């Protein structure tokens, strides 16, 4: 029997260990790698080409939603299953726009998580019951909003998304340049492009956009004016 290979992308060690221990008892599922942040998840997915990535949203360096977009660009056959503590519209909409085929809340049972991994690997789209009910009630509105988000997200390059996350996390240009390994002038140019593409012209506005689009959690940035 060919096992379904799974990459775990989760920044909390205890949570990651819990997923690993949960999956090791399933004969048809195999954890092939563990990534503590979105950037490593992208690199490991390219190398390991897992069937399914179990993806957290709020991770350092690169959030799970942008990691999803980058992974699917390199490995279109990989299925991304978001497992998050948050089910806000912004997170769900952006996850769908980024290409995720499943979204479960972290309080889901181990049985539900394992079954959902199997279902998304088979090509199904799966959401937690609460999210499914909301999507069914608001389907036309949700699809319109997701389409709008997809257009805005598609306008941004992967590097611009990385810069946007770091701006929203309160990083100065020098810190952003150091973390991404690029020049200060390059960061400034990316920042300029972000403002032009999103028609937002200050840091607070970029941060609010990042929160509304689910790129960072609202708790990450507490000093928005």
N, C-alpha and C. Protein backbone atom coordinates (compact mmCIF):
# COMPACT_ATOMS: atom_id res chain seq x y z
N UNK A 1 0.84 -1.20 0.00
CA UNK A 1 0.00 0.00 0.00
C UNK A 1 0.88 1.25 0.00
N UNK A 2 0.64 2.13 -0.98
CA UNK A 2 1.40 3.38 -1.04
C UNK A 2 0.87 4.35 0.00
N UNK A 3 1.76 4.83 0.82
CA UNK A 3 1.35 5.74 1.89
C UNK A 3 1.19 7.17 1.37
N UNK A 4 0.29 7.91 2.01
CA UNK A 4 0.13 9.34 1.72
C UNK A 4 1.21 10.08 2.50
N UNK A 5 2.07 10.78 1.78
CA UNK A 5 3.16 11.49 2.45
C UNK A 5 2.71 12.87 2.89
N UNK A 6 3.11 13.24 4.11
CA UNK A 6 2.63 14.47 4.73
C UNK A 6 3.81 15.30 5.24
N UNK A 7 3.79 16.58 4.93
CA UNK A 7 4.75 17.54 5.48
C UNK A 7 4.04 18.39 6.52
N UNK A 8 4.60 18.49 7.72
CA UNK A 8 4.02 19.29 8.78
C UNK A 8 4.67 20.68 8.79
N UNK A 9 3.87 21.72 8.66
CA UNK A 9 4.38 23.10 8.72
C UNK A 9 3.72 23.79 9.90
N UNK A 10 4.45 23.92 10.98
CA UNK A 10 3.90 24.43 12.24
C UNK A 10 5.06 24.95 13.09
N UNK A 11 4.94 26.18 13.60
CA UNK A 11 6.07 26.76 14.33
C UNK A 11 6.14 26.35 15.79
N UNK A 12 5.07 25.83 16.36
CA UNK A 12 5.10 25.40 17.76
C UNK A 12 5.53 23.94 17.85
N UNK A 13 6.64 23.70 18.54
CA UNK A 13 7.22 22.36 18.61
C UNK A 13 6.23 21.37 19.22
N UNK A 14 5.57 21.76 20.29
CA UNK A 14 4.65 20.84 20.97
C UNK A 14 3.50 20.44 20.04
N UNK A 15 2.96 21.40 19.31
CA UNK A 15 1.87 21.10 18.38
C UNK A 15 2.37 20.19 17.26
N UNK A 16 3.55 20.50 16.76
CA UNK A 16 4.12 19.68 15.68
C UNK A 16 4.34 18.24 16.14
N UNK A 17 4.84 18.09 17.37
CA UNK A 17 5.05 16.75 17.91
C UNK A 17 3.71 16.02 18.06
N UNK A 18 2.68 16.77 18.46
CA UNK A 18 1.36 16.17 18.60
C UNK A 18 0.84 15.63 17.28
N UNK A 19 1.00 16.40 16.20
CA UNK A 19 0.58 15.95 14.87
C UNK A 19 1.38 14.70 14.46
N UNK A 20 2.70 14.75 14.70
CA UNK A 20 3.54 13.63 14.31
C UNK A 20 3.12 12.35 15.04
N UNK A 21 2.90 12.46 16.34
CA UNK A 21 2.50 11.30 17.12
C UNK A 21 1.12 10.79 16.71
N UNK A 22 0.25 11.71 16.33
CA UNK A 22 -1.09 11.33 15.90
C UNK A 22 -1.03 10.54 14.59
N UNK A 23 -0.22 11.03 13.65
CA UNK A 23 -0.19 10.42 12.32
C UNK A 23 0.58 9.10 12.28
N UNK A 24 1.50 8.90 13.21
CA UNK A 24 2.33 7.70 13.14
C UNK A 24 1.53 6.42 13.40
N UNK A 25 0.34 6.55 13.97
CA UNK A 25 -0.49 5.38 14.22
C UNK A 25 -1.40 5.04 13.03
N UNK A 26 -1.35 5.87 11.97
CA UNK A 26 -2.16 5.62 10.78
C UNK A 26 -1.32 4.90 9.74
N UNK A 27 -1.74 3.69 9.39
CA UNK A 27 -0.93 2.84 8.50
C UNK A 27 -0.73 3.43 7.11
N UNK A 28 -1.68 4.27 6.68
CA UNK A 28 -1.61 4.80 5.31
C UNK A 28 -1.05 6.22 5.24
N UNK A 29 -0.64 6.79 6.37
CA UNK A 29 -0.11 8.15 6.40
C UNK A 29 1.33 8.14 6.89
N UNK A 30 2.18 8.97 6.28
CA UNK A 30 3.59 9.01 6.67
C UNK A 30 4.09 10.44 6.68
N UNK A 31 4.59 10.89 7.84
CA UNK A 31 5.20 12.21 7.94
C UNK A 31 6.61 12.13 7.36
N UNK A 32 6.87 12.93 6.33
CA UNK A 32 8.18 12.89 5.67
C UNK A 32 9.04 14.09 6.01
N UNK A 33 8.47 15.09 6.70
CA UNK A 33 9.25 16.25 7.05
C UNK A 33 8.48 17.19 7.97
N UNK A 34 9.23 18.06 8.67
CA UNK A 34 8.63 19.03 9.58
C UNK A 34 9.31 20.38 9.38
N UNK A 35 8.50 21.41 9.20
CA UNK A 35 9.04 22.76 8.97
C UNK A 35 8.55 23.70 10.06
N UNK A 36 9.44 24.45 10.70
CA UNK A 36 9.04 25.36 11.78
C UNK A 36 8.62 26.74 11.30
N UNK A 37 8.72 27.01 10.00
CA UNK A 37 8.26 28.30 9.48
C UNK A 37 7.91 28.14 8.00
N UNK A 38 7.25 29.16 7.46
CA UNK A 38 6.78 29.06 6.08
C UNK A 38 7.88 28.95 5.06
N UNK A 39 8.99 29.63 5.29
CA UNK A 39 10.08 29.60 4.32
C UNK A 39 10.68 28.20 4.21
N UNK A 40 10.86 27.55 5.37
CA UNK A 40 11.38 26.19 5.34
C UNK A 40 10.35 25.22 4.76
N UNK A 41 9.07 25.50 4.98
CA UNK A 41 8.02 24.65 4.41
C UNK A 41 8.10 24.66 2.88
N UNK A 42 8.33 25.83 2.31
CA UNK A 42 8.45 25.93 0.85
C UNK A 42 9.65 25.13 0.36
N UNK A 43 10.79 25.30 1.02
CA UNK A 43 12.01 24.60 0.61
C UNK A 43 11.84 23.09 0.74
N UNK A 44 11.24 22.65 1.83
CA UNK A 44 11.09 21.21 2.07
C UNK A 44 10.06 20.60 1.12
N UNK A 45 9.02 21.35 0.80
CA UNK A 45 8.01 20.84 -0.14
C UNK A 45 8.63 20.65 -1.52
N UNK A 46 9.49 21.57 -1.94
CA UNK A 46 10.15 21.43 -3.23
C UNK A 46 11.04 20.19 -3.26
N UNK A 47 11.71 19.93 -2.14
CA UNK A 47 12.63 18.80 -2.07
C UNK A 47 11.89 17.47 -1.91
N UNK A 48 10.89 17.43 -1.03
CA UNK A 48 10.23 16.17 -0.67
C UNK A 48 9.00 15.85 -1.53
N UNK A 49 8.39 16.90 -2.11
CA UNK A 49 7.19 16.75 -2.92
C UNK A 49 6.13 15.88 -2.21
N UNK A 50 5.67 16.31 -1.05
CA UNK A 50 4.69 15.51 -0.30
C UNK A 50 3.33 15.53 -0.99
N UNK A 51 2.52 14.53 -0.68
CA UNK A 51 1.15 14.51 -1.20
C UNK A 51 0.32 15.62 -0.56
N UNK A 52 0.52 15.82 0.75
CA UNK A 52 -0.28 16.79 1.51
C UNK A 52 0.63 17.58 2.44
N UNK A 53 0.38 18.88 2.54
CA UNK A 53 1.05 19.71 3.54
C UNK A 53 0.01 20.13 4.57
N UNK A 54 0.27 19.80 5.83
CA UNK A 54 -0.58 20.25 6.93
C UNK A 54 -0.01 21.59 7.38
N UNK A 55 -0.71 22.69 7.07
CA UNK A 55 -0.15 24.03 7.14
C UNK A 55 -0.81 24.91 8.19
N UNK A 56 0.01 25.46 9.08
CA UNK A 56 -0.46 26.50 10.00
C UNK A 56 -0.45 27.83 9.25
N UNK A 57 -1.20 28.82 9.74
CA UNK A 57 -1.21 30.13 9.07
C UNK A 57 -0.16 31.06 9.66
N UNK A 58 -0.23 31.29 10.96
CA UNK A 58 0.64 32.29 11.59
C UNK A 58 1.99 31.66 11.93
N UNK A 59 2.97 31.91 11.04
CA UNK A 59 4.32 31.40 11.25
C UNK A 59 5.32 32.52 10.97
N UNK A 60 6.48 32.45 11.61
CA UNK A 60 7.49 33.50 11.39
C UNK A 60 8.11 33.41 10.00
N UNK A 61 8.71 34.53 9.59
CA UNK A 61 9.46 34.64 8.33
C UNK A 61 8.56 34.62 7.10
N UNK A 62 7.65 33.65 7.03
CA UNK A 62 6.72 33.56 5.90
C UNK A 62 5.46 32.89 6.39
N UNK A 63 4.31 33.57 6.26
CA UNK A 63 3.06 33.00 6.76
C UNK A 63 2.61 31.82 5.90
N UNK A 64 1.72 31.02 6.48
CA UNK A 64 1.29 29.81 5.80
C UNK A 64 0.52 30.06 4.52
N UNK A 65 -0.13 31.21 4.39
CA UNK A 65 -0.90 31.49 3.19
C UNK A 65 0.00 31.79 2.00
N UNK A 66 1.04 32.58 2.22
CA UNK A 66 1.99 32.84 1.14
C UNK A 66 2.82 31.59 0.86
N UNK A 67 3.14 30.82 1.92
CA UNK A 67 3.85 29.55 1.72
C UNK A 67 3.02 28.62 0.85
N UNK A 68 1.70 28.62 1.06
CA UNK A 68 0.80 27.81 0.23
C UNK A 68 0.92 28.19 -1.22
N UNK A 69 0.89 29.49 -1.49
CA UNK A 69 0.97 29.97 -2.87
C UNK A 69 2.28 29.55 -3.52
N UNK A 70 3.40 29.69 -2.78
CA UNK A 70 4.70 29.35 -3.35
C UNK A 70 4.86 27.84 -3.56
N UNK A 71 4.35 27.05 -2.63
CA UNK A 71 4.44 25.59 -2.76
C UNK A 71 3.66 25.12 -3.99
N UNK A 72 2.44 25.64 -4.15
CA UNK A 72 1.60 25.20 -5.27
C UNK A 72 2.15 25.66 -6.61
N UNK A 73 2.85 26.77 -6.63
CA UNK A 73 3.48 27.23 -7.86
C UNK A 73 4.56 26.25 -8.30
N UNK A 74 5.31 25.72 -7.30
CA UNK A 74 6.40 24.77 -7.62
C UNK A 74 5.89 23.34 -7.74
N UNK A 75 4.87 22.99 -6.92
CA UNK A 75 4.36 21.61 -6.90
C UNK A 75 2.83 21.63 -6.98
N UNK A 76 2.27 21.81 -8.16
CA UNK A 76 0.82 21.93 -8.29
C UNK A 76 0.05 20.71 -7.79
N UNK A 77 0.68 19.54 -7.77
CA UNK A 77 -0.02 18.32 -7.36
C UNK A 77 -0.15 18.19 -5.85
N UNK A 78 0.64 18.94 -5.10
CA UNK A 78 0.56 18.89 -3.64
C UNK A 78 -0.75 19.51 -3.16
N UNK A 79 -1.36 18.89 -2.17
CA UNK A 79 -2.60 19.41 -1.58
C UNK A 79 -2.27 20.11 -0.26
N UNK A 80 -2.80 21.31 -0.09
CA UNK A 80 -2.54 22.08 1.12
C UNK A 80 -3.78 22.05 2.01
N UNK A 81 -3.61 21.55 3.23
CA UNK A 81 -4.67 21.52 4.23
C UNK A 81 -4.30 22.49 5.35
N UNK A 82 -5.06 23.57 5.48
CA UNK A 82 -4.83 24.55 6.53
C UNK A 82 -5.42 24.04 7.84
N UNK A 83 -4.63 24.10 8.89
CA UNK A 83 -5.11 23.75 10.22
C UNK A 83 -4.79 24.92 11.13
N UNK A 84 -5.83 25.68 11.50
CA UNK A 84 -5.61 26.94 12.20
C UNK A 84 -6.51 27.06 13.42
N UNK A 85 -6.09 27.92 14.35
CA UNK A 85 -6.93 28.21 15.51
C UNK A 85 -7.97 29.27 15.17
N UNK A 86 -7.86 29.88 13.98
CA UNK A 86 -8.74 30.99 13.61
C UNK A 86 -9.57 30.63 12.38
N UNK A 87 -10.84 30.99 12.43
CA UNK A 87 -11.70 30.75 11.26
C UNK A 87 -12.33 32.04 10.75
N UNK A 88 -11.66 33.17 10.98
CA UNK A 88 -12.15 34.45 10.49
C UNK A 88 -12.30 34.39 8.97
N UNK A 89 -13.25 35.17 8.46
CA UNK A 89 -13.49 35.21 7.01
C UNK A 89 -12.20 35.49 6.24
N UNK A 90 -11.39 36.42 6.77
CA UNK A 90 -10.16 36.81 6.05
C UNK A 90 -9.24 35.63 5.84
N UNK A 91 -9.06 34.81 6.89
CA UNK A 91 -8.16 33.66 6.78
C UNK A 91 -8.70 32.63 5.80
N UNK A 92 -10.01 32.36 5.91
CA UNK A 92 -10.61 31.36 5.02
C UNK A 92 -10.56 31.83 3.57
N UNK A 93 -10.96 33.08 3.33
CA UNK A 93 -10.98 33.61 1.96
C UNK A 93 -9.59 33.60 1.34
N UNK A 94 -8.60 34.06 2.10
CA UNK A 94 -7.25 34.13 1.55
C UNK A 94 -6.67 32.73 1.36
N UNK A 95 -7.03 31.79 2.25
CA UNK A 95 -6.58 30.41 2.08
C UNK A 95 -7.12 29.83 0.78
N UNK A 96 -8.40 30.07 0.50
CA UNK A 96 -9.01 29.59 -0.74
C UNK A 96 -8.33 30.26 -1.94
N UNK A 97 -8.15 31.59 -1.83
CA UNK A 97 -7.53 32.33 -2.93
C UNK A 97 -6.10 31.87 -3.19
N UNK A 98 -5.43 31.40 -2.14
CA UNK A 98 -4.04 30.95 -2.28
C UNK A 98 -3.94 29.53 -2.82
N UNK A 99 -5.06 28.80 -2.82
CA UNK A 99 -5.05 27.46 -3.40
C UNK A 99 -5.23 26.32 -2.43
N UNK A 100 -5.45 26.61 -1.14
CA UNK A 100 -5.68 25.54 -0.17
C UNK A 100 -6.98 24.81 -0.50
N UNK A 101 -7.00 23.50 -0.29
CA UNK A 101 -8.19 22.70 -0.60
C UNK A 101 -8.89 22.19 0.66
N UNK A 102 -8.38 22.60 1.81
CA UNK A 102 -9.01 22.21 3.06
C UNK A 102 -8.69 23.21 4.15
N UNK A 103 -9.62 23.35 5.11
CA UNK A 103 -9.40 24.29 6.21
C UNK A 103 -10.11 23.71 7.43
N UNK A 104 -9.32 23.27 8.41
CA UNK A 104 -9.86 22.74 9.65
C UNK A 104 -9.40 23.59 10.82
N UNK A 105 -10.21 23.62 11.86
CA UNK A 105 -9.81 24.29 13.09
C UNK A 105 -8.97 23.33 13.93
N UNK A 106 -8.07 23.89 14.74
CA UNK A 106 -7.15 23.06 15.50
C UNK A 106 -7.84 22.23 16.58
N UNK A 107 -9.07 22.58 16.91
CA UNK A 107 -9.79 21.75 17.87
C UNK A 107 -10.43 20.53 17.22
N UNK A 108 -10.21 20.33 15.93
CA UNK A 108 -10.74 19.14 15.25
C UNK A 108 -10.14 17.89 15.87
N UNK A 109 -10.89 16.81 15.86
CA UNK A 109 -10.41 15.55 16.43
C UNK A 109 -9.33 14.96 15.54
N UNK A 110 -8.50 14.09 16.13
CA UNK A 110 -7.45 13.43 15.35
C UNK A 110 -8.06 12.60 14.23
N UNK A 111 -9.21 12.00 14.49
CA UNK A 111 -9.89 11.22 13.46
C UNK A 111 -10.29 12.10 12.27
N UNK A 112 -10.81 13.31 12.57
CA UNK A 112 -11.21 14.24 11.51
C UNK A 112 -10.00 14.70 10.70
N UNK A 113 -8.91 14.99 11.39
CA UNK A 113 -7.70 15.46 10.68
C UNK A 113 -7.18 14.38 9.74
N UNK A 114 -7.08 13.15 10.24
CA UNK A 114 -6.57 12.06 9.41
C UNK A 114 -7.48 11.78 8.22
N UNK A 115 -8.80 11.80 8.45
CA UNK A 115 -9.73 11.55 7.37
C UNK A 115 -9.68 12.66 6.34
N UNK A 116 -9.53 13.91 6.80
CA UNK A 116 -9.45 15.03 5.87
C UNK A 116 -8.19 14.97 5.02
N UNK A 117 -7.08 14.54 5.60
CA UNK A 117 -5.85 14.36 4.82
C UNK A 117 -6.11 13.39 3.67
N UNK A 118 -6.80 12.30 3.97
CA UNK A 118 -7.11 11.31 2.94
C UNK A 118 -8.01 11.91 1.86
N UNK A 119 -9.00 12.68 2.28
CA UNK A 119 -9.97 13.22 1.33
C UNK A 119 -9.36 14.27 0.42
N UNK A 120 -8.53 15.17 0.98
CA UNK A 120 -7.93 16.19 0.11
C UNK A 120 -6.91 15.55 -0.84
N UNK A 121 -6.25 14.48 -0.39
CA UNK A 121 -5.31 13.79 -1.28
C UNK A 121 -6.04 13.16 -2.45
N UNK A 122 -7.31 12.82 -2.24
CA UNK A 122 -8.13 12.23 -3.31
C UNK A 122 -8.75 13.29 -4.22
N UNK A 123 -8.51 14.56 -3.92
CA UNK A 123 -9.01 15.62 -4.77
C UNK A 123 -10.25 16.32 -4.26
N UNK A 124 -10.67 16.02 -3.04
CA UNK A 124 -11.86 16.66 -2.48
C UNK A 124 -11.49 17.97 -1.80
N UNK A 125 -12.47 18.86 -1.67
CA UNK A 125 -12.30 20.10 -0.91
C UNK A 125 -13.06 19.95 0.39
N UNK A 126 -12.37 20.20 1.51
CA UNK A 126 -12.96 19.92 2.82
C UNK A 126 -12.77 21.12 3.75
N UNK A 127 -13.87 21.54 4.39
CA UNK A 127 -13.82 22.59 5.40
C UNK A 127 -14.45 22.09 6.68
N UNK A 128 -14.03 22.67 7.81
CA UNK A 128 -14.66 22.30 9.07
C UNK A 128 -16.15 22.63 8.99
N UNK A 129 -17.00 21.95 9.75
CA UNK A 129 -18.45 22.16 9.66
C UNK A 129 -18.87 23.62 9.82
N UNK A 130 -18.28 24.33 10.78
CA UNK A 130 -18.67 25.72 11.02
C UNK A 130 -18.35 26.59 9.80
N UNK A 131 -17.21 26.37 9.19
CA UNK A 131 -16.82 27.14 8.01
C UNK A 131 -17.71 26.77 6.83
N UNK A 132 -18.00 25.49 6.67
CA UNK A 132 -18.87 25.05 5.56
C UNK A 132 -20.24 25.68 5.65
N UNK A 133 -20.79 25.73 6.86
CA UNK A 133 -22.12 26.33 7.03
C UNK A 133 -22.10 27.80 6.64
N UNK A 134 -21.05 28.50 7.04
CA UNK A 134 -20.97 29.93 6.73
C UNK A 134 -20.79 30.14 5.23
N UNK A 135 -19.95 29.31 4.59
CA UNK A 135 -19.75 29.44 3.16
C UNK A 135 -21.04 29.16 2.39
N UNK A 136 -21.80 28.18 2.85
CA UNK A 136 -23.07 27.86 2.19
C UNK A 136 -24.08 28.99 2.31
N UNK A 137 -24.10 29.64 3.48
CA UNK A 137 -25.03 30.75 3.69
C UNK A 137 -24.64 31.96 2.86
N UNK A 138 -23.35 32.19 2.75
CA UNK A 138 -22.87 33.43 2.13
C UNK A 138 -22.14 33.16 0.83
N UNK A 139 -22.46 32.07 0.15
CA UNK A 139 -21.65 31.64 -0.99
C UNK A 139 -21.43 32.72 -2.04
N UNK A 140 -22.47 33.36 -2.58
CA UNK A 140 -22.20 34.38 -3.61
C UNK A 140 -21.32 35.50 -3.11
N UNK A 141 -21.63 35.99 -1.89
CA UNK A 141 -20.83 37.08 -1.32
C UNK A 141 -19.40 36.62 -1.07
N UNK A 142 -19.26 35.40 -0.54
CA UNK A 142 -17.94 34.88 -0.23
C UNK A 142 -17.11 34.70 -1.49
N UNK A 143 -17.75 34.17 -2.53
CA UNK A 143 -17.01 33.97 -3.78
C UNK A 143 -16.58 35.29 -4.38
N UNK A 144 -17.45 36.30 -4.30
CA UNK A 144 -17.08 37.62 -4.80
C UNK A 144 -15.88 38.16 -4.03
N UNK A 145 -15.95 38.04 -2.68
CA UNK A 145 -14.87 38.57 -1.84
C UNK A 145 -13.58 37.81 -2.10
N UNK A 146 -13.68 36.48 -2.24
CA UNK A 146 -12.50 35.68 -2.51
C UNK A 146 -11.89 36.03 -3.86
N UNK A 147 -12.75 36.26 -4.84
CA UNK A 147 -12.25 36.66 -6.15
C UNK A 147 -11.50 37.97 -6.10
N UNK A 148 -12.03 38.92 -5.33
CA UNK A 148 -11.37 40.22 -5.18
C UNK A 148 -10.03 40.04 -4.49
N UNK A 149 -10.01 39.21 -3.42
CA UNK A 149 -8.76 38.96 -2.73
C UNK A 149 -7.75 38.29 -3.65
N UNK A 150 -8.25 37.34 -4.46
CA UNK A 150 -7.35 36.63 -5.37
C UNK A 150 -6.70 37.61 -6.35
N UNK A 151 -7.50 38.57 -6.84
CA UNK A 151 -6.95 39.56 -7.76
C UNK A 151 -5.87 40.39 -7.08
N UNK A 152 -6.14 40.82 -5.85
CA UNK A 152 -5.16 41.65 -5.15
C UNK A 152 -3.92 40.85 -4.79
N UNK A 153 -4.14 39.60 -4.32
CA UNK A 153 -3.00 38.76 -3.97
C UNK A 153 -2.16 38.48 -5.21
N UNK A 154 -2.84 38.23 -6.35
CA UNK A 154 -2.13 37.91 -7.59
C UNK A 154 -1.29 39.08 -8.09
N UNK A 155 -1.67 40.31 -7.71
CA UNK A 155 -0.90 41.48 -8.13
C UNK A 155 0.48 41.50 -7.48
N UNK A 156 0.60 40.85 -6.34
CA UNK A 156 1.84 40.93 -5.56
C UNK A 156 2.74 39.75 -5.88
N UNK A 157 4.03 40.04 -6.01
CA UNK A 157 5.00 38.96 -6.18
C UNK A 157 5.23 38.30 -4.83
N UNK A 158 5.85 37.13 -4.86
CA UNK A 158 6.15 36.44 -3.60
C UNK A 158 7.05 37.28 -2.71
N UNK A 159 8.02 37.96 -3.31
CA UNK A 159 8.92 38.81 -2.51
C UNK A 159 8.15 39.96 -1.89
N UNK A 160 7.22 40.54 -2.64
CA UNK A 160 6.42 41.63 -2.09
C UNK A 160 5.55 41.14 -0.93
N UNK A 161 5.04 39.91 -1.03
CA UNK A 161 4.25 39.36 0.07
C UNK A 161 5.12 39.16 1.31
N UNK A 162 6.36 38.74 1.10
CA UNK A 162 7.27 38.57 2.23
C UNK A 162 7.57 39.92 2.88
N UNK A 163 7.82 40.92 2.05
CA UNK A 163 8.08 42.27 2.57
C UNK A 163 6.86 42.80 3.30
N UNK A 164 5.68 42.58 2.74
CA UNK A 164 4.45 43.04 3.38
C UNK A 164 4.27 42.42 4.76
N UNK A 165 4.53 41.12 4.88
CA UNK A 165 4.39 40.48 6.18
C UNK A 165 5.35 41.10 7.19
N UNK A 166 6.60 41.32 6.79
CA UNK A 166 7.58 41.87 7.72
C UNK A 166 7.25 43.32 8.09
N UNK A 167 6.73 44.09 7.14
CA UNK A 167 6.28 45.45 7.46
C UNK A 167 5.17 45.38 8.50
N UNK A 168 4.21 44.49 8.27
CA UNK A 168 3.06 44.38 9.18
C UNK A 168 3.47 43.86 10.56
N UNK A 169 4.58 43.13 10.62
CA UNK A 169 5.08 42.65 11.90
C UNK A 169 5.92 43.70 12.62
N UNK A 170 6.03 44.89 11.99
CA UNK A 170 6.73 45.99 12.64
C UNK A 170 8.21 46.07 12.36
N UNK A 171 8.69 45.31 11.37
CA UNK A 171 10.12 45.32 11.05
C UNK A 171 10.47 46.59 10.28
N UNK A 172 11.60 47.21 10.64
CA UNK A 172 12.12 48.36 9.90
C UNK A 172 12.73 47.87 8.59
N UNK A 173 12.97 48.78 7.66
CA UNK A 173 13.53 48.40 6.36
C UNK A 173 14.86 47.66 6.50
N UNK A 174 15.71 48.13 7.42
CA UNK A 174 17.01 47.48 7.60
C UNK A 174 16.84 46.05 8.10
N UNK A 175 15.89 45.84 9.04
CA UNK A 175 15.63 44.50 9.54
C UNK A 175 15.09 43.59 8.44
N UNK A 176 14.19 44.15 7.62
CA UNK A 176 13.62 43.38 6.51
C UNK A 176 14.70 42.98 5.52
N UNK A 177 15.59 43.93 5.20
CA UNK A 177 16.68 43.64 4.27
C UNK A 177 17.58 42.53 4.80
N UNK A 178 17.89 42.59 6.10
CA UNK A 178 18.75 41.59 6.71
C UNK A 178 18.08 40.22 6.71
N UNK A 179 16.80 40.17 7.06
CA UNK A 179 16.10 38.88 7.15
C UNK A 179 15.95 38.23 5.79
N UNK A 180 15.71 39.04 4.75
CA UNK A 180 15.50 38.48 3.42
C UNK A 180 16.79 38.35 2.61
N UNK A 181 17.87 38.92 3.14
CA UNK A 181 19.14 38.83 2.44
C UNK A 181 19.19 39.66 1.17
N UNK A 182 18.54 40.83 1.21
CA UNK A 182 18.52 41.73 0.05
C UNK A 182 18.96 43.12 0.50
N UNK A 183 19.20 43.99 -0.46
CA UNK A 183 19.68 45.33 -0.15
C UNK A 183 18.58 46.24 0.38
N UNK A 184 18.99 47.27 1.10
CA UNK A 184 18.04 48.22 1.67
C UNK A 184 17.25 48.93 0.56
N UNK A 185 17.93 49.30 -0.51
CA UNK A 185 17.23 49.98 -1.61
C UNK A 185 16.21 49.05 -2.27
N UNK A 186 16.52 47.77 -2.30
CA UNK A 186 15.57 46.80 -2.86
C UNK A 186 14.32 46.72 -2.01
N UNK A 187 14.49 46.72 -0.70
CA UNK A 187 13.34 46.72 0.22
C UNK A 187 12.50 47.97 -0.01
N UNK A 188 13.16 49.10 -0.11
CA UNK A 188 12.44 50.36 -0.32
C UNK A 188 11.65 50.33 -1.63
N UNK A 189 12.23 49.71 -2.66
CA UNK A 189 11.55 49.60 -3.95
C UNK A 189 10.34 48.67 -3.84
N UNK A 190 10.48 47.56 -3.12
CA UNK A 190 9.34 46.65 -2.90
C UNK A 190 8.23 47.36 -2.13
N UNK A 191 8.63 48.13 -1.14
CA UNK A 191 7.65 48.87 -0.34
C UNK A 191 6.88 49.86 -1.23
N UNK A 192 7.61 50.52 -2.10
CA UNK A 192 6.99 51.48 -3.03
C UNK A 192 6.01 50.77 -3.95
N UNK A 193 6.40 49.61 -4.47
CA UNK A 193 5.52 48.84 -5.36
C UNK A 193 4.27 48.38 -4.63
N UNK A 194 4.42 47.95 -3.36
CA UNK A 194 3.27 47.53 -2.57
C UNK A 194 2.25 48.66 -2.44
N UNK A 195 2.73 49.83 -2.13
CA UNK A 195 1.83 50.96 -1.96
C UNK A 195 1.13 51.33 -3.25
N UNK A 196 1.86 51.22 -4.37
CA UNK A 196 1.25 51.53 -5.66
C UNK A 196 0.19 50.49 -6.03
N UNK A 197 0.53 49.21 -5.89
CA UNK A 197 -0.39 48.15 -6.29
C UNK A 197 -1.65 48.10 -5.43
N UNK A 198 -1.49 48.35 -4.14
CA UNK A 198 -2.62 48.26 -3.22
C UNK A 198 -3.31 49.60 -3.01
N UNK A 199 -2.72 50.67 -3.58
CA UNK A 199 -3.24 52.02 -3.39
C UNK A 199 -3.35 52.36 -1.91
N UNK A 200 -2.29 51.99 -1.19
CA UNK A 200 -2.16 52.27 0.25
C UNK A 200 -0.83 52.98 0.43
N UNK A 201 -0.84 54.07 1.19
CA UNK A 201 0.34 54.92 1.17
C UNK A 201 0.96 55.20 2.54
N UNK A 202 0.70 54.32 3.50
CA UNK A 202 1.39 54.45 4.79
C UNK A 202 1.50 53.07 5.43
N UNK A 203 2.40 52.96 6.40
CA UNK A 203 2.67 51.68 7.04
C UNK A 203 1.45 51.13 7.78
N UNK A 204 0.73 52.01 8.46
CA UNK A 204 -0.46 51.57 9.18
C UNK A 204 -1.48 50.97 8.23
N UNK A 205 -1.63 51.58 7.05
CA UNK A 205 -2.56 51.07 6.06
C UNK A 205 -2.13 49.70 5.54
N UNK A 206 -0.83 49.53 5.28
CA UNK A 206 -0.33 48.24 4.84
C UNK A 206 -0.57 47.17 5.91
N UNK A 207 -0.39 47.56 7.16
CA UNK A 207 -0.61 46.61 8.27
C UNK A 207 -2.07 46.22 8.36
N UNK A 208 -2.95 47.21 8.24
CA UNK A 208 -4.39 46.89 8.28
C UNK A 208 -4.78 45.98 7.12
N UNK A 209 -4.20 46.22 5.94
CA UNK A 209 -4.49 45.34 4.80
C UNK A 209 -4.01 43.92 5.09
N UNK A 210 -2.80 43.78 5.64
CA UNK A 210 -2.25 42.46 5.94
C UNK A 210 -3.14 41.70 6.91
N UNK A 211 -3.69 42.43 7.89
CA UNK A 211 -4.59 41.80 8.86
C UNK A 211 -5.90 41.41 8.19
N UNK A 212 -6.47 42.32 7.40
CA UNK A 212 -7.77 42.05 6.77
C UNK A 212 -7.69 40.91 5.77
N UNK A 213 -6.51 40.73 5.15
CA UNK A 213 -6.33 39.66 4.17
C UNK A 213 -5.87 38.36 4.81
N UNK A 214 -5.70 38.36 6.14
CA UNK A 214 -5.28 37.14 6.82
C UNK A 214 -3.82 36.82 6.68
N UNK A 215 -3.01 37.81 6.28
CA UNK A 215 -1.58 37.57 6.09
C UNK A 215 -0.87 37.48 7.44
N UNK A 216 -1.33 38.26 8.42
CA UNK A 216 -0.85 38.13 9.80
C UNK A 216 -2.06 38.14 10.71
N UNK A 217 -1.87 37.67 11.93
CA UNK A 217 -2.93 37.72 12.93
C UNK A 217 -3.01 39.14 13.48
N UNK A 218 -4.20 39.55 13.88
CA UNK A 218 -4.36 40.89 14.43
C UNK A 218 -3.56 41.08 15.70
N UNK A 219 -3.29 39.98 16.42
CA UNK A 219 -2.53 40.07 17.67
C UNK A 219 -1.05 40.32 17.45
N UNK A 220 -0.57 40.14 16.20
CA UNK A 220 0.86 40.33 15.93
C UNK A 220 1.24 41.78 16.06
N UNK A 221 0.35 42.66 15.59
CA UNK A 221 0.68 44.08 15.57
C UNK A 221 -0.34 44.82 16.44
N UNK A 222 0.12 45.34 17.56
CA UNK A 222 -0.79 45.96 18.52
C UNK A 222 -0.65 47.46 18.57
N UNK A 223 0.22 48.03 17.73
CA UNK A 223 0.49 49.45 17.84
C UNK A 223 0.06 50.23 16.62
N UNK A 224 -0.97 49.73 15.95
CA UNK A 224 -1.46 50.44 14.75
C UNK A 224 -2.13 51.74 15.19
N UNK A 225 -1.78 52.83 14.52
CA UNK A 225 -2.39 54.12 14.84
C UNK A 225 -3.51 54.39 13.84
